[in-house]
Amino acid sequence: MTDFNDKSTLKHDSASNMESLKNAITNGQENRLKALLTNLLLDELQKGYLINLAENNGNSKIVRLLNALPATP
C-alpha cells in the first residue's frame, strides 16, 4: 500500500513540476501556483519562461509573484 504522505518515496520530476506550474499560470490559479512553488527553486531560464507565460496571459499578480522569486544562475 502506498503512503502518499511519505515524501521520501516520491520522486521529484522537474518536467512534471514545470508542467504543473505552466498549467497553474495559464489557468490563473494564483493560490495553486504559490503551493507549487513552495520549496522549489527555479533557475533563471525557468523563471524567465514562466514570467513570459504569465505576461502573455495578462495576469499581473502572477507576474509580480514570479518576479519576487529567487532563482539560481
N, C-alpha and C. Protein backbone atom coordinates (compact mmCIF):
# COMPACT_ATOMS: atom_id res chain seq x y z
N MET A 1 0.85 -1.18 0.00
CA MET A 1 0.00 0.00 0.00
C MET A 1 0.89 1.24 0.00
N THR A 2 0.56 2.20 -0.80
CA THR A 2 1.35 3.41 -0.93
C THR A 2 0.88 4.46 0.07
N ASP A 3 1.83 5.03 0.79
CA ASP A 3 1.53 6.12 1.71
C ASP A 3 1.89 7.42 1.01
N PHE A 4 0.90 8.15 0.53
CA PHE A 4 1.14 9.36 -0.23
C PHE A 4 1.67 10.50 0.63
N ASN A 5 1.62 10.34 1.95
CA ASN A 5 2.18 11.35 2.84
C ASN A 5 3.66 11.14 3.09
N ASP A 6 4.19 10.00 2.68
CA ASP A 6 5.61 9.71 2.85
C ASP A 6 6.37 10.26 1.66
N LYS A 7 6.87 11.46 1.80
CA LYS A 7 7.53 12.14 0.69
C LYS A 7 8.87 11.53 0.33
N SER A 8 9.42 10.68 1.21
CA SER A 8 10.71 10.07 0.92
C SER A 8 10.62 9.08 -0.23
N THR A 9 9.42 8.58 -0.52
CA THR A 9 9.27 7.61 -1.60
C THR A 9 8.81 8.26 -2.90
N LEU A 10 8.48 9.54 -2.85
CA LEU A 10 8.02 10.23 -4.05
C LEU A 10 9.20 10.78 -4.83
N LYS A 11 9.12 10.73 -6.14
CA LYS A 11 10.19 11.25 -6.98
C LYS A 11 9.89 12.70 -7.34
N HIS A 12 10.93 13.49 -7.43
CA HIS A 12 10.79 14.87 -7.85
C HIS A 12 11.10 14.93 -9.34
N ASP A 13 10.10 15.13 -10.13
CA ASP A 13 10.24 15.14 -11.58
C ASP A 13 10.13 16.57 -12.06
N SER A 14 11.24 17.15 -12.50
CA SER A 14 11.24 18.56 -12.89
C SER A 14 10.33 18.83 -14.08
N ALA A 15 10.18 17.87 -14.99
CA ALA A 15 9.28 18.07 -16.14
C ALA A 15 7.83 18.17 -15.66
N SER A 16 7.45 17.34 -14.73
CA SER A 16 6.10 17.38 -14.18
C SER A 16 5.87 18.67 -13.39
N ASN A 17 6.92 19.08 -12.65
CA ASN A 17 6.82 20.33 -11.91
C ASN A 17 6.57 21.50 -12.85
N MET A 18 7.33 21.58 -13.93
CA MET A 18 7.16 22.69 -14.87
C MET A 18 5.79 22.64 -15.53
N GLU A 19 5.32 21.46 -15.87
CA GLU A 19 4.00 21.33 -16.49
C GLU A 19 2.91 21.81 -15.53
N SER A 20 3.03 21.45 -14.26
CA SER A 20 2.06 21.89 -13.25
C SER A 20 2.11 23.41 -13.09
N LEU A 21 3.32 23.98 -13.06
CA LEU A 21 3.46 25.43 -12.95
C LEU A 21 2.84 26.12 -14.16
N LYS A 22 3.12 25.61 -15.35
CA LYS A 22 2.56 26.21 -16.58
C LYS A 22 1.04 26.16 -16.56
N ASN A 23 0.47 25.04 -16.13
CA ASN A 23 -0.99 24.92 -16.08
C ASN A 23 -1.59 25.90 -15.09
N ALA A 24 -0.96 26.05 -13.93
CA ALA A 24 -1.48 26.99 -12.93
C ALA A 24 -1.42 28.42 -13.46
N ILE A 25 -0.35 28.78 -14.15
CA ILE A 25 -0.22 30.12 -14.71
C ILE A 25 -1.26 30.34 -15.80
N THR A 26 -1.37 29.40 -16.71
CA THR A 26 -2.32 29.52 -17.82
C THR A 26 -3.76 29.63 -17.33
N ASN A 27 -4.07 28.91 -16.26
CA ASN A 27 -5.44 28.93 -15.71
C ASN A 27 -5.66 30.03 -14.69
N GLY A 28 -4.62 30.84 -14.41
CA GLY A 28 -4.76 31.95 -13.48
C GLY A 28 -4.95 31.52 -12.04
N GLN A 29 -4.41 30.36 -11.68
CA GLN A 29 -4.59 29.81 -10.33
C GLN A 29 -3.44 30.26 -9.43
N GLU A 30 -3.58 31.46 -8.90
CA GLU A 30 -2.52 32.06 -8.09
C GLU A 30 -2.22 31.24 -6.83
N ASN A 31 -3.25 30.81 -6.12
CA ASN A 31 -3.03 30.04 -4.89
C ASN A 31 -2.39 28.69 -5.19
N ARG A 32 -2.80 28.05 -6.26
CA ARG A 32 -2.18 26.77 -6.64
C ARG A 32 -0.72 26.99 -7.01
N LEU A 33 -0.44 28.08 -7.71
CA LEU A 33 0.94 28.39 -8.09
C LEU A 33 1.80 28.59 -6.84
N LYS A 34 1.28 29.32 -5.87
CA LYS A 34 2.02 29.53 -4.62
C LYS A 34 2.34 28.20 -3.96
N ALA A 35 1.36 27.30 -3.93
CA ALA A 35 1.57 25.99 -3.32
C ALA A 35 2.62 25.18 -4.08
N LEU A 36 2.58 25.26 -5.40
CA LEU A 36 3.55 24.52 -6.21
C LEU A 36 4.97 25.05 -6.05
N LEU A 37 5.08 26.35 -5.82
CA LEU A 37 6.40 26.98 -5.70
C LEU A 37 7.04 26.78 -4.32
N THR A 38 6.28 26.29 -3.37
CA THR A 38 6.81 26.05 -2.04
C THR A 38 7.94 25.03 -2.12
N ASN A 39 9.08 25.39 -1.57
CA ASN A 39 10.27 24.52 -1.54
C ASN A 39 10.79 24.17 -2.93
N LEU A 40 10.52 25.00 -3.91
CA LEU A 40 11.01 24.77 -5.26
C LEU A 40 11.88 25.95 -5.67
N LEU A 41 13.08 25.68 -6.14
CA LEU A 41 13.98 26.74 -6.58
C LEU A 41 14.19 26.60 -8.09
N LEU A 42 13.83 27.64 -8.81
CA LEU A 42 13.95 27.65 -10.26
C LEU A 42 15.28 28.25 -10.67
N ASP A 43 15.73 27.91 -11.87
CA ASP A 43 16.90 28.62 -12.39
C ASP A 43 16.40 29.83 -13.19
N GLU A 44 17.31 30.70 -13.59
CA GLU A 44 16.94 31.95 -14.28
C GLU A 44 16.15 31.68 -15.56
N LEU A 45 16.51 30.65 -16.31
CA LEU A 45 15.83 30.33 -17.56
C LEU A 45 14.38 29.91 -17.31
N GLN A 46 14.19 29.03 -16.33
CA GLN A 46 12.84 28.59 -15.98
C GLN A 46 11.99 29.76 -15.50
N LYS A 47 12.55 30.57 -14.63
CA LYS A 47 11.84 31.72 -14.09
C LYS A 47 11.44 32.68 -15.21
N GLY A 48 12.37 32.97 -16.11
CA GLY A 48 12.07 33.86 -17.23
C GLY A 48 10.97 33.32 -18.13
N TYR A 49 11.01 32.02 -18.38
CA TYR A 49 9.97 31.40 -19.20
C TYR A 49 8.60 31.54 -18.56
N LEU A 50 8.53 31.26 -17.25
CA LEU A 50 7.24 31.35 -16.56
C LEU A 50 6.74 32.79 -16.48
N ILE A 51 7.65 33.75 -16.32
CA ILE A 51 7.25 35.17 -16.31
C ILE A 51 6.69 35.56 -17.68
N ASN A 52 7.36 35.14 -18.75
CA ASN A 52 6.85 35.43 -20.10
C ASN A 52 5.47 34.81 -20.32
N LEU A 53 5.28 33.59 -19.84
CA LEU A 53 3.99 32.93 -19.97
C LEU A 53 2.91 33.72 -19.23
N ALA A 54 3.22 34.16 -18.02
CA ALA A 54 2.25 34.94 -17.23
C ALA A 54 1.95 36.28 -17.90
N GLU A 55 2.99 36.92 -18.45
CA GLU A 55 2.78 38.20 -19.15
C GLU A 55 1.89 38.00 -20.37
N ASN A 56 2.12 36.93 -21.11
CA ASN A 56 1.31 36.65 -22.30
C ASN A 56 -0.14 36.34 -21.95
N ASN A 57 -0.36 35.83 -20.73
CA ASN A 57 -1.72 35.55 -20.27
C ASN A 57 -2.35 36.76 -19.59
N GLY A 58 -1.58 37.83 -19.44
CA GLY A 58 -2.12 39.08 -18.89
C GLY A 58 -2.44 39.04 -17.41
N ASN A 59 -1.73 38.21 -16.66
CA ASN A 59 -2.00 38.12 -15.22
C ASN A 59 -0.89 38.82 -14.44
N SER A 60 -1.13 40.07 -14.10
CA SER A 60 -0.10 40.88 -13.44
C SER A 60 0.22 40.40 -12.03
N LYS A 61 -0.76 39.83 -11.31
CA LYS A 61 -0.49 39.32 -9.97
C LYS A 61 0.51 38.16 -10.02
N ILE A 62 0.32 37.29 -10.97
CA ILE A 62 1.23 36.15 -11.11
C ILE A 62 2.60 36.62 -11.58
N VAL A 63 2.65 37.62 -12.45
CA VAL A 63 3.93 38.17 -12.89
C VAL A 63 4.69 38.72 -11.70
N ARG A 64 4.02 39.48 -10.84
CA ARG A 64 4.67 40.02 -9.64
C ARG A 64 5.14 38.91 -8.72
N LEU A 65 4.33 37.89 -8.55
CA LEU A 65 4.69 36.75 -7.71
C LEU A 65 5.96 36.07 -8.24
N LEU A 66 6.01 35.84 -9.54
CA LEU A 66 7.16 35.18 -10.14
C LEU A 66 8.40 36.06 -10.10
N ASN A 67 8.24 37.35 -10.31
CA ASN A 67 9.38 38.27 -10.26
C ASN A 67 10.02 38.30 -8.87
N ALA A 68 9.24 38.07 -7.86
CA ALA A 68 9.74 38.11 -6.48
C ALA A 68 10.49 36.84 -6.07
N LEU A 69 10.39 35.80 -6.88
CA LEU A 69 11.05 34.53 -6.54
C LEU A 69 12.56 34.61 -6.71
N PRO A 70 13.28 33.97 -5.80
CA PRO A 70 14.72 33.85 -6.02
C PRO A 70 14.97 32.81 -7.10
N ALA A 71 16.09 32.92 -7.78
CA ALA A 71 16.43 31.95 -8.82
C ALA A 71 17.94 31.72 -8.82
N THR A 72 18.32 30.54 -9.22
CA THR A 72 19.74 30.24 -9.33
C THR A 72 20.24 30.64 -10.72
N PRO A 73 21.49 31.02 -10.82
CA PRO A 73 22.04 31.41 -12.13
C PRO A 73 22.16 30.23 -13.08
